[in-house]
Amino acid sequence: GWLTGGTENHIAMRRTAGLLFGESWPDATFHHGLTGRELAEQCLVYMRAYGQTLFRNSMVEYLSPIYHAVNTAPWLNIYEFAKDERARLYAKAILDRILADLAVNSHHGIIIPPVARAKGLMTDSYQLSTVRSNTQWTAWLYWGAGNMEASREAIRATDTWHKSPLALHAVSDYIPDPVIRNLGA
């Protein structure tokens, strides 16, 4: 269908955008004659099913240094901007699950092999203990993983942070549960 296709993060981006557009314009007509209200409800059904699948089976792009931030960013949008409290709760559960995976599979900011995968978008190897990959930046933002102090110099140490969706992570009100942050730290 028109809300599917592509990889896991593409589908999440389409469905989360569909919910937000549907909530914003409930009486507008979208693709296939769906009203905004119907579109939002269809996307909400997907979110619940995706969350259940995620808790049962984890993710396809499990802890990918490239895709971690783009797998979490759509859910941050829902957490921040959805009007439907169910959608916000689904997004929080999904984010908590993804970040719990990251917390237990990283050590001092390094993603533990063999789950780490790297290609492009990186200035150095993902196995550095300084923040380099998008995933390492996510960990650094939420629990200070790695050997970088929380300072302006940490941001200057790499040029990848501003080329990713992590600005949304930095300004979002979402914060992982303290248990997740303690595991990560």
N, C-alpha and C. Protein backbone atom coordinates (compact mmCIF):
# COMPACT_ATOMS: atom_id res chain seq x y z
N GLY A 1 0.81 -1.20 0.00
CA GLY A 1 0.00 0.00 0.00
C GLY A 1 0.85 1.26 0.00
N TRP A 2 0.21 2.38 -0.03
CA TRP A 2 0.90 3.65 -0.16
C TRP A 2 1.59 4.09 1.13
N LEU A 3 1.30 3.46 2.24
CA LEU A 3 1.99 3.78 3.50
C LEU A 3 3.10 2.78 3.81
N THR A 4 3.36 1.85 2.90
CA THR A 4 4.39 0.85 3.14
C THR A 4 5.49 0.99 2.11
N GLY A 5 6.37 0.02 2.06
CA GLY A 5 7.46 0.04 1.10
C GLY A 5 8.71 0.64 1.70
N GLY A 6 9.84 0.23 1.19
CA GLY A 6 11.10 0.72 1.73
C GLY A 6 11.49 -0.09 2.96
N THR A 7 12.38 0.47 3.72
CA THR A 7 12.87 -0.24 4.91
C THR A 7 12.03 0.13 6.13
N GLU A 8 12.35 -0.49 7.23
CA GLU A 8 11.61 -0.32 8.47
C GLU A 8 11.47 1.16 8.85
N ASN A 9 12.55 1.92 8.71
CA ASN A 9 12.46 3.33 9.10
C ASN A 9 11.61 4.14 8.13
N HIS A 10 11.60 3.77 6.84
CA HIS A 10 10.75 4.48 5.88
C HIS A 10 9.27 4.28 6.21
N ILE A 11 8.93 3.06 6.55
CA ILE A 11 7.53 2.77 6.90
C ILE A 11 7.15 3.53 8.16
N ALA A 12 8.03 3.55 9.15
CA ALA A 12 7.74 4.28 10.39
C ALA A 12 7.57 5.77 10.10
N MET A 13 8.41 6.32 9.23
CA MET A 13 8.29 7.74 8.90
C MET A 13 6.95 8.02 8.22
N ARG A 14 6.54 7.15 7.30
CA ARG A 14 5.26 7.35 6.61
C ARG A 14 4.09 7.25 7.60
N ARG A 15 4.12 6.24 8.44
CA ARG A 15 3.00 6.03 9.36
C ARG A 15 2.92 7.10 10.44
N THR A 16 4.05 7.52 10.95
CA THR A 16 4.01 8.57 11.98
C THR A 16 3.59 9.91 11.36
N ALA A 17 4.09 10.19 10.16
CA ALA A 17 3.66 11.42 9.47
C ALA A 17 2.17 11.35 9.15
N GLY A 18 1.70 10.17 8.75
CA GLY A 18 0.27 9.99 8.47
C GLY A 18 -0.59 10.28 9.68
N LEU A 19 -0.16 9.82 10.83
CA LEU A 19 -0.93 10.08 12.05
C LEU A 19 -0.96 11.59 12.35
N LEU A 20 0.19 12.24 12.26
CA LEU A 20 0.24 13.67 12.58
C LEU A 20 -0.55 14.51 11.57
N PHE A 21 -0.45 14.17 10.28
CA PHE A 21 -1.23 14.89 9.27
C PHE A 21 -2.72 14.64 9.48
N GLY A 22 -3.07 13.37 9.74
CA GLY A 22 -4.47 13.04 9.95
C GLY A 22 -5.07 13.76 11.15
N GLU A 23 -4.29 13.87 12.22
CA GLU A 23 -4.77 14.60 13.40
C GLU A 23 -4.89 16.10 13.12
N SER A 24 -3.97 16.62 12.34
CA SER A 24 -3.98 18.06 12.05
C SER A 24 -5.11 18.47 11.11
N TRP A 25 -5.45 17.59 10.17
CA TRP A 25 -6.51 17.88 9.22
C TRP A 25 -7.51 16.70 9.18
N PRO A 26 -8.29 16.53 10.24
CA PRO A 26 -9.18 15.36 10.35
C PRO A 26 -10.26 15.28 9.28
N ASP A 27 -10.66 16.42 8.73
CA ASP A 27 -11.73 16.40 7.73
C ASP A 27 -11.22 16.49 6.30
N ALA A 28 -9.91 16.60 6.12
CA ALA A 28 -9.34 16.63 4.78
C ALA A 28 -9.41 15.24 4.17
N THR A 29 -9.35 15.17 2.86
CA THR A 29 -9.35 13.89 2.16
C THR A 29 -7.94 13.60 1.68
N PHE A 30 -7.46 12.41 2.02
CA PHE A 30 -6.12 11.99 1.64
C PHE A 30 -6.22 10.88 0.59
N HIS A 31 -5.12 10.24 0.30
CA HIS A 31 -5.03 9.17 -0.69
C HIS A 31 -6.11 8.12 -0.45
N HIS A 32 -6.63 7.54 -1.49
CA HIS A 32 -7.67 6.50 -1.44
C HIS A 32 -8.95 7.00 -0.77
N GLY A 33 -9.16 8.31 -0.74
CA GLY A 33 -10.38 8.86 -0.17
C GLY A 33 -10.46 8.82 1.34
N LEU A 34 -9.35 8.51 2.01
CA LEU A 34 -9.36 8.48 3.47
C LEU A 34 -9.45 9.89 4.03
N THR A 35 -10.28 10.06 5.03
CA THR A 35 -10.27 11.34 5.73
C THR A 35 -9.05 11.36 6.65
N GLY A 36 -8.70 12.53 7.09
CA GLY A 36 -7.60 12.64 8.03
C GLY A 36 -7.83 11.80 9.27
N ARG A 37 -9.04 11.79 9.74
CA ARG A 37 -9.41 11.00 10.92
C ARG A 37 -9.16 9.52 10.66
N GLU A 38 -9.58 9.03 9.49
CA GLU A 38 -9.38 7.62 9.13
C GLU A 38 -7.90 7.31 8.94
N LEU A 39 -7.17 8.22 8.32
CA LEU A 39 -5.74 8.05 8.13
C LEU A 39 -5.04 7.93 9.48
N ALA A 40 -5.36 8.82 10.40
CA ALA A 40 -4.73 8.78 11.73
C ALA A 40 -5.05 7.46 12.42
N GLU A 41 -6.27 7.00 12.32
CA GLU A 41 -6.65 5.74 12.97
C GLU A 41 -5.92 4.56 12.35
N GLN A 42 -5.81 4.54 11.01
CA GLN A 42 -5.09 3.46 10.34
C GLN A 42 -3.62 3.44 10.77
N CYS A 43 -3.03 4.61 10.90
CA CYS A 43 -1.63 4.69 11.33
C CYS A 43 -1.49 4.28 12.79
N LEU A 44 -2.46 4.59 13.62
CA LEU A 44 -2.44 4.20 15.03
C LEU A 44 -2.49 2.67 15.15
N VAL A 45 -3.30 2.03 14.34
CA VAL A 45 -3.37 0.56 14.34
C VAL A 45 -2.00 -0.02 14.00
N TYR A 46 -1.32 0.57 13.00
CA TYR A 46 0.02 0.12 12.64
C TYR A 46 0.98 0.28 13.83
N MET A 47 0.93 1.42 14.49
CA MET A 47 1.84 1.68 15.61
C MET A 47 1.72 0.64 16.70
N ARG A 48 0.49 0.27 17.00
CA ARG A 48 0.28 -0.76 18.03
C ARG A 48 0.85 -2.09 17.57
N ALA A 49 0.58 -2.47 16.33
CA ALA A 49 1.09 -3.74 15.80
C ALA A 49 2.62 -3.73 15.72
N TYR A 50 3.20 -2.62 15.28
CA TYR A 50 4.66 -2.51 15.20
C TYR A 50 5.28 -2.63 16.59
N GLY A 51 4.70 -1.94 17.55
CA GLY A 51 5.20 -2.03 18.92
C GLY A 51 5.17 -3.45 19.45
N GLN A 52 4.08 -4.15 19.20
CA GLN A 52 3.99 -5.55 19.64
C GLN A 52 5.05 -6.41 18.96
N THR A 53 5.25 -6.21 17.67
CA THR A 53 6.28 -6.96 16.94
C THR A 53 7.67 -6.64 17.48
N LEU A 54 7.92 -5.38 17.73
CA LEU A 54 9.22 -4.95 18.25
C LEU A 54 9.51 -5.61 19.60
N PHE A 55 8.53 -5.67 20.48
CA PHE A 55 8.73 -6.29 21.79
C PHE A 55 8.91 -7.79 21.68
N ARG A 56 8.28 -8.41 20.68
CA ARG A 56 8.42 -9.86 20.50
C ARG A 56 9.72 -10.25 19.80
N ASN A 57 10.14 -9.44 18.81
CA ASN A 57 11.21 -9.87 17.91
C ASN A 57 12.38 -8.92 17.76
N SER A 58 12.33 -7.74 18.31
CA SER A 58 13.34 -6.69 18.14
C SER A 58 13.20 -6.07 16.76
N MET A 59 14.29 -5.46 16.25
CA MET A 59 14.24 -4.69 15.02
C MET A 59 14.99 -5.38 13.89
N VAL A 60 14.68 -4.98 12.67
CA VAL A 60 15.42 -5.48 11.52
C VAL A 60 16.82 -4.86 11.51
N GLU A 61 16.89 -3.55 11.65
CA GLU A 61 18.18 -2.84 11.67
C GLU A 61 18.68 -2.75 13.11
N TYR A 62 18.91 -3.87 13.71
CA TYR A 62 19.25 -3.96 15.12
C TYR A 62 20.53 -3.21 15.44
N LEU A 63 20.42 -2.12 16.15
CA LEU A 63 21.55 -1.32 16.61
C LEU A 63 22.47 -0.83 15.50
N SER A 64 21.95 -0.66 14.33
CA SER A 64 22.78 -0.19 13.24
C SER A 64 23.32 1.20 13.55
N PRO A 65 24.63 1.41 13.45
CA PRO A 65 25.16 2.75 13.67
C PRO A 65 24.61 3.78 12.69
N ILE A 66 24.15 3.33 11.56
CA ILE A 66 23.60 4.25 10.57
C ILE A 66 22.13 4.54 10.84
N TYR A 67 21.36 3.52 11.13
CA TYR A 67 19.91 3.67 11.15
C TYR A 67 19.28 3.88 12.52
N HIS A 68 20.05 3.80 13.58
CA HIS A 68 19.45 3.92 14.91
C HIS A 68 18.72 5.25 15.08
N ALA A 69 19.35 6.34 14.71
CA ALA A 69 18.72 7.65 14.88
C ALA A 69 17.48 7.82 14.00
N VAL A 70 17.51 7.28 12.78
CA VAL A 70 16.33 7.41 11.93
C VAL A 70 15.24 6.42 12.31
N ASN A 71 15.57 5.39 13.06
CA ASN A 71 14.54 4.50 13.59
C ASN A 71 13.88 5.09 14.84
N THR A 72 14.57 5.96 15.55
CA THR A 72 13.98 6.55 16.75
C THR A 72 13.32 7.90 16.47
N ALA A 73 13.82 8.65 15.52
CA ALA A 73 13.29 10.00 15.25
C ALA A 73 11.79 10.04 14.95
N PRO A 74 11.23 9.14 14.13
CA PRO A 74 9.79 9.22 13.88
C PRO A 74 8.95 9.05 15.15
N TRP A 75 9.45 8.22 16.05
CA TRP A 75 8.71 7.99 17.29
C TRP A 75 8.83 9.18 18.24
N LEU A 76 9.94 9.90 18.15
CA LEU A 76 10.07 11.15 18.92
C LEU A 76 9.04 12.16 18.44
N ASN A 77 8.80 12.21 17.13
CA ASN A 77 7.77 13.11 16.60
C ASN A 77 6.40 12.79 17.18
N ILE A 78 6.08 11.51 17.27
CA ILE A 78 4.80 11.12 17.84
C ILE A 78 4.76 11.46 19.32
N TYR A 79 5.82 11.14 20.04
CA TYR A 79 5.89 11.45 21.47
C TYR A 79 5.70 12.94 21.71
N GLU A 80 6.28 13.76 20.86
CA GLU A 80 6.21 15.22 21.03
C GLU A 80 4.90 15.83 20.55
N PHE A 81 4.39 15.37 19.42
CA PHE A 81 3.35 16.14 18.74
C PHE A 81 1.99 15.46 18.60
N ALA A 82 1.88 14.16 18.85
CA ALA A 82 0.58 13.49 18.68
C ALA A 82 -0.43 13.99 19.70
N LYS A 83 -1.66 14.13 19.26
CA LYS A 83 -2.75 14.53 20.16
C LYS A 83 -3.32 13.31 20.87
N ASP A 84 -3.30 12.17 20.21
CA ASP A 84 -3.86 10.94 20.76
C ASP A 84 -2.92 10.36 21.81
N GLU A 85 -3.40 10.24 23.02
CA GLU A 85 -2.56 9.75 24.12
C GLU A 85 -2.10 8.31 23.87
N ARG A 86 -2.92 7.51 23.20
CA ARG A 86 -2.50 6.14 22.88
C ARG A 86 -1.26 6.16 21.99
N ALA A 87 -1.26 7.02 20.99
CA ALA A 87 -0.11 7.12 20.09
C ALA A 87 1.13 7.53 20.86
N ARG A 88 0.99 8.48 21.77
CA ARG A 88 2.14 8.93 22.57
C ARG A 88 2.66 7.79 23.45
N LEU A 89 1.77 7.00 24.01
CA LEU A 89 2.19 5.85 24.84
C LEU A 89 2.88 4.78 23.99
N TYR A 90 2.34 4.52 22.79
CA TYR A 90 2.99 3.56 21.89
C TYR A 90 4.39 4.03 21.55
N ALA A 91 4.52 5.33 21.23
CA ALA A 91 5.82 5.88 20.86
C ALA A 91 6.81 5.76 22.02
N LYS A 92 6.35 6.05 23.23
CA LYS A 92 7.24 5.94 24.38
C LYS A 92 7.70 4.50 24.58
N ALA A 93 6.78 3.56 24.45
CA ALA A 93 7.15 2.15 24.61
C ALA A 93 8.16 1.72 23.54
N ILE A 94 7.94 2.15 22.31
CA ILE A 94 8.85 1.80 21.21
C ILE A 94 10.22 2.41 21.46
N LEU A 95 10.25 3.68 21.83
CA LEU A 95 11.52 4.33 22.13
C LEU A 95 12.25 3.66 23.29
N ASP A 96 11.52 3.35 24.34
CA ASP A 96 12.14 2.68 25.50
C ASP A 96 12.74 1.34 25.09
N ARG A 97 12.04 0.59 24.24
CA ARG A 97 12.54 -0.72 23.81
C ARG A 97 13.80 -0.57 22.96
N ILE A 98 13.79 0.35 22.01
CA ILE A 98 14.95 0.54 21.14
C ILE A 98 16.15 1.02 21.95
N LEU A 99 15.93 1.93 22.90
CA LEU A 99 17.04 2.44 23.69
C LEU A 99 17.51 1.44 24.74
N ALA A 100 16.61 0.58 25.22
CA ALA A 100 17.05 -0.49 26.12
C ALA A 100 17.99 -1.44 25.38
N ASP A 101 17.66 -1.74 24.13
CA ASP A 101 18.56 -2.56 23.29
C ASP A 101 19.93 -1.91 23.18
N LEU A 102 19.94 -0.61 22.93
CA LEU A 102 21.21 0.10 22.80
C LEU A 102 21.97 0.08 24.13
N ALA A 103 21.27 0.30 25.22
CA ALA A 103 21.92 0.37 26.53
C ALA A 103 22.62 -0.93 26.90
N VAL A 104 21.98 -2.07 26.65
CA VAL A 104 22.58 -3.34 27.06
C VAL A 104 23.59 -3.88 26.04
N ASN A 105 23.67 -3.26 24.88
CA ASN A 105 24.60 -3.74 23.86
C ASN A 105 25.69 -2.73 23.54
N SER A 106 25.97 -1.85 24.48
CA SER A 106 27.06 -0.92 24.29
C SER A 106 27.91 -0.89 25.56
N HIS A 107 29.15 -0.53 25.37
CA HIS A 107 30.08 -0.47 26.50
C HIS A 107 30.99 0.74 26.29
N HIS A 108 30.91 1.70 27.20
CA HIS A 108 31.68 2.93 27.09
C HIS A 108 31.49 3.60 25.73
N GLY A 109 30.26 3.58 25.24
CA GLY A 109 29.96 4.25 23.99
C GLY A 109 30.25 3.46 22.74
N ILE A 110 30.74 2.26 22.90
CA ILE A 110 31.04 1.41 21.75
C ILE A 110 29.96 0.36 21.64
N ILE A 111 29.44 0.18 20.42
CA ILE A 111 28.44 -0.86 20.20
C ILE A 111 29.17 -2.18 20.12
N ILE A 112 28.74 -3.13 20.92
CA ILE A 112 29.45 -4.39 21.03
C ILE A 112 29.21 -5.26 19.80
N PRO A 113 30.28 -5.77 19.14
CA PRO A 113 30.11 -6.68 18.01
C PRO A 113 29.43 -7.96 18.48
N PRO A 114 28.75 -8.69 17.64
CA PRO A 114 28.70 -8.56 16.18
C PRO A 114 27.54 -7.71 15.69
N VAL A 115 26.77 -7.08 16.58
CA VAL A 115 25.60 -6.35 16.10
C VAL A 115 25.96 -5.04 15.41
N ALA A 116 27.14 -4.52 15.63
CA ALA A 116 27.52 -3.26 15.00
C ALA A 116 27.70 -3.45 13.49
N ARG A 117 27.25 -2.48 12.74
CA ARG A 117 27.35 -2.53 11.29
C ARG A 117 27.70 -1.13 10.83
N ALA A 118 28.62 -1.00 9.94
CA ALA A 118 29.03 0.33 9.51
C ALA A 118 29.10 0.43 8.00
N LYS A 119 28.70 1.57 7.49
CA LYS A 119 28.90 1.91 6.08
C LYS A 119 28.61 3.39 5.92
N GLY A 120 29.45 4.09 5.25
CA GLY A 120 29.23 5.50 4.97
C GLY A 120 28.88 6.35 6.19
N LEU A 121 28.60 7.60 6.00
CA LEU A 121 28.12 8.54 7.02
C LEU A 121 29.01 8.66 8.24
N MET A 122 30.19 8.08 8.22
CA MET A 122 31.04 8.13 9.40
C MET A 122 32.41 8.67 9.02
N THR A 123 32.97 9.43 9.92
CA THR A 123 34.29 9.99 9.65
C THR A 123 35.39 9.02 10.04
N ASP A 124 35.11 8.15 10.95
CA ASP A 124 36.09 7.17 11.44
C ASP A 124 35.38 5.85 11.71
N SER A 125 36.10 4.90 12.24
CA SER A 125 35.52 3.60 12.58
C SER A 125 34.49 3.75 13.69
N TYR A 126 33.45 2.97 13.64
CA TYR A 126 32.42 3.01 14.68
C TYR A 126 32.92 2.42 16.00
N GLN A 127 34.09 1.83 16.01
CA GLN A 127 34.60 1.24 17.24
C GLN A 127 35.45 2.20 18.07
N LEU A 128 35.48 3.47 17.69
CA LEU A 128 36.18 4.45 18.51
C LEU A 128 35.41 4.66 19.81
N SER A 129 36.10 5.03 20.86
CA SER A 129 35.41 5.29 22.12
C SER A 129 34.97 6.74 22.22
N THR A 130 35.21 7.51 21.18
CA THR A 130 34.64 8.85 21.13
C THR A 130 33.38 8.79 20.28
N VAL A 131 32.56 9.78 20.44
CA VAL A 131 31.28 9.77 19.74
C VAL A 131 31.52 10.01 18.25
N ARG A 132 31.18 9.05 17.42
CA ARG A 132 31.34 9.21 15.98
C ARG A 132 30.06 8.87 15.21
N SER A 133 29.48 7.74 15.47
CA SER A 133 28.32 7.35 14.68
C SER A 133 27.05 7.94 15.27
N ASN A 134 25.98 7.94 14.48
CA ASN A 134 24.69 8.42 14.97
C ASN A 134 24.26 7.68 16.23
N THR A 135 24.49 6.39 16.25
CA THR A 135 24.08 5.60 17.41
C THR A 135 24.88 6.00 18.64
N GLN A 136 26.17 6.23 18.47
CA GLN A 136 26.98 6.67 19.60
C GLN A 136 26.52 8.05 20.09
N TRP A 137 26.11 8.90 19.16
CA TRP A 137 25.60 10.20 19.57
C TRP A 137 24.32 10.04 20.38
N THR A 138 23.45 9.13 19.98
CA THR A 138 22.22 8.89 20.74
C THR A 138 22.57 8.49 22.16
N ALA A 139 23.48 7.54 22.30
CA ALA A 139 23.89 7.09 23.64
C ALA A 139 24.50 8.25 24.42
N TRP A 140 25.35 9.02 23.78
CA TRP A 140 26.01 10.14 24.45
C TRP A 140 24.98 11.16 24.95
N LEU A 141 23.97 11.44 24.13
CA LEU A 141 22.95 12.41 24.53
C LEU A 141 22.15 11.92 25.74
N TYR A 142 21.84 10.62 25.78
CA TYR A 142 20.95 10.12 26.82
C TYR A 142 21.66 9.64 28.08
N TRP A 143 22.88 9.14 27.97
CA TRP A 143 23.54 8.69 29.19
C TRP A 143 25.04 8.92 29.22
N GLY A 144 25.54 9.74 28.33
CA GLY A 144 26.94 10.12 28.41
C GLY A 144 27.92 9.02 28.10
N ALA A 145 27.55 8.10 27.25
CA ALA A 145 28.43 6.98 26.93
C ALA A 145 29.68 7.47 26.20
N GLY A 146 30.76 6.80 26.42
CA GLY A 146 32.01 7.15 25.76
C GLY A 146 32.89 7.98 26.67
N ASN A 147 34.00 8.41 26.12
CA ASN A 147 34.93 9.16 26.95
C ASN A 147 34.88 10.65 26.70
N MET A 148 33.81 11.14 26.11
CA MET A 148 33.67 12.56 25.84
C MET A 148 32.92 13.25 26.97
N GLU A 149 33.47 14.34 27.45
CA GLU A 149 32.78 15.16 28.44
C GLU A 149 31.62 15.89 27.76
N ALA A 150 30.60 16.19 28.52
CA ALA A 150 29.47 16.95 28.00
C ALA A 150 29.88 18.41 27.89
N SER A 151 30.35 18.80 26.71
CA SER A 151 30.87 20.15 26.53
C SER A 151 30.79 20.54 25.05
N ARG A 152 31.07 21.79 24.77
CA ARG A 152 31.13 22.24 23.38
C ARG A 152 32.22 21.51 22.60
N GLU A 153 33.30 21.20 23.28
CA GLU A 153 34.40 20.50 22.62
C GLU A 153 33.95 19.12 22.12
N ALA A 154 33.05 18.48 22.83
CA ALA A 154 32.54 17.18 22.39
C ALA A 154 31.82 17.32 21.05
N ILE A 155 31.08 18.39 20.90
CA ILE A 155 30.37 18.61 19.64
C ILE A 155 31.36 18.91 18.53
N ARG A 156 32.39 19.64 18.83
CA ARG A 156 33.40 19.98 17.83
C ARG A 156 34.28 18.78 17.46
N ALA A 157 34.31 17.76 18.30
CA ALA A 157 35.21 16.62 18.07
C ALA A 157 34.83 15.81 16.85
N THR A 158 33.64 15.96 16.37
CA THR A 158 33.20 15.22 15.19
C THR A 158 32.35 16.13 14.31
N ASP A 159 32.23 15.80 13.07
CA ASP A 159 31.38 16.62 12.22
C ASP A 159 30.14 15.86 11.77
N THR A 160 29.80 14.76 12.41
CA THR A 160 28.65 13.99 11.98
C THR A 160 27.36 14.35 12.72
N TRP A 161 27.42 14.94 13.89
CA TRP A 161 26.22 15.15 14.70
C TRP A 161 25.17 15.99 13.98
N HIS A 162 25.58 16.99 13.22
CA HIS A 162 24.61 17.88 12.58
C HIS A 162 24.12 17.34 11.24
N LYS A 163 24.61 16.20 10.81
CA LYS A 163 24.20 15.60 9.56
C LYS A 163 23.18 14.48 9.79
N SER A 164 22.62 14.44 10.96
CA SER A 164 21.71 13.36 11.29
C SER A 164 20.45 13.93 11.93
N PRO A 165 19.47 13.07 12.22
CA PRO A 165 18.26 13.55 12.88
C PRO A 165 18.44 13.75 14.38
N LEU A 166 19.67 13.78 14.87
CA LEU A 166 19.88 13.85 16.31
C LEU A 166 19.54 15.20 16.92
N ALA A 167 19.39 16.23 16.11
CA ALA A 167 18.96 17.51 16.68
C ALA A 167 17.59 17.33 17.33
N LEU A 168 16.74 16.54 16.71
CA LEU A 168 15.42 16.25 17.31
C LEU A 168 15.57 15.55 18.65
N HIS A 169 16.50 14.60 18.74
CA HIS A 169 16.74 13.91 20.01
C HIS A 169 17.19 14.89 21.08
N ALA A 170 18.04 15.83 20.70
CA ALA A 170 18.60 16.77 21.67
C ALA A 170 17.56 17.73 22.23
N VAL A 171 16.55 18.08 21.45
CA VAL A 171 15.56 19.05 21.92
C VAL A 171 14.26 18.41 22.38
N SER A 172 14.10 17.12 22.22
CA SER A 172 12.87 16.44 22.60
C SER A 172 12.71 16.37 24.12
N ASP A 173 11.46 16.34 24.55
CA ASP A 173 11.17 16.14 25.98
C ASP A 173 11.30 14.67 26.38
N TYR A 174 11.39 13.77 25.39
CA TYR A 174 11.54 12.35 25.72
C TYR A 174 12.89 12.10 26.37
N ILE A 175 12.85 11.38 27.48
CA ILE A 175 14.06 10.92 28.15
C ILE A 175 13.82 9.45 28.50
N PRO A 176 14.77 8.58 28.16
CA PRO A 176 14.58 7.17 28.52
C PRO A 176 14.41 7.00 30.03
N ASP A 177 13.72 5.96 30.39
CA ASP A 177 13.51 5.63 31.80
C ASP A 177 14.87 5.59 32.53
N PRO A 178 14.92 5.98 33.81
CA PRO A 178 16.19 5.94 34.55
C PRO A 178 16.88 4.57 34.54
N VAL A 179 16.12 3.50 34.52
CA VAL A 179 16.73 2.17 34.48
C VAL A 179 17.53 2.01 33.17
N ILE A 180 16.95 2.46 32.07
CA ILE A 180 17.64 2.37 30.77
C ILE A 180 18.89 3.24 30.79
N ARG A 181 18.77 4.45 31.30
CA ARG A 181 19.93 5.35 31.35
C ARG A 181 21.02 4.78 32.24
N ASN A 182 20.67 4.17 33.35
CA ASN A 182 21.67 3.55 34.24
C ASN A 182 22.35 2.38 33.56
N LEU A 183 21.59 1.55 32.83
CA LEU A 183 22.20 0.45 32.09
C LEU A 183 23.19 0.98 31.06
N GLY A 184 22.81 2.01 30.34
CA GLY A 184 23.68 2.59 29.33
C GLY A 184 24.94 3.20 29.91
N ALA A 185 24.78 3.88 31.03
CA ALA A 185 25.92 4.54 31.67
C ALA A 185 26.86 3.51 32.29
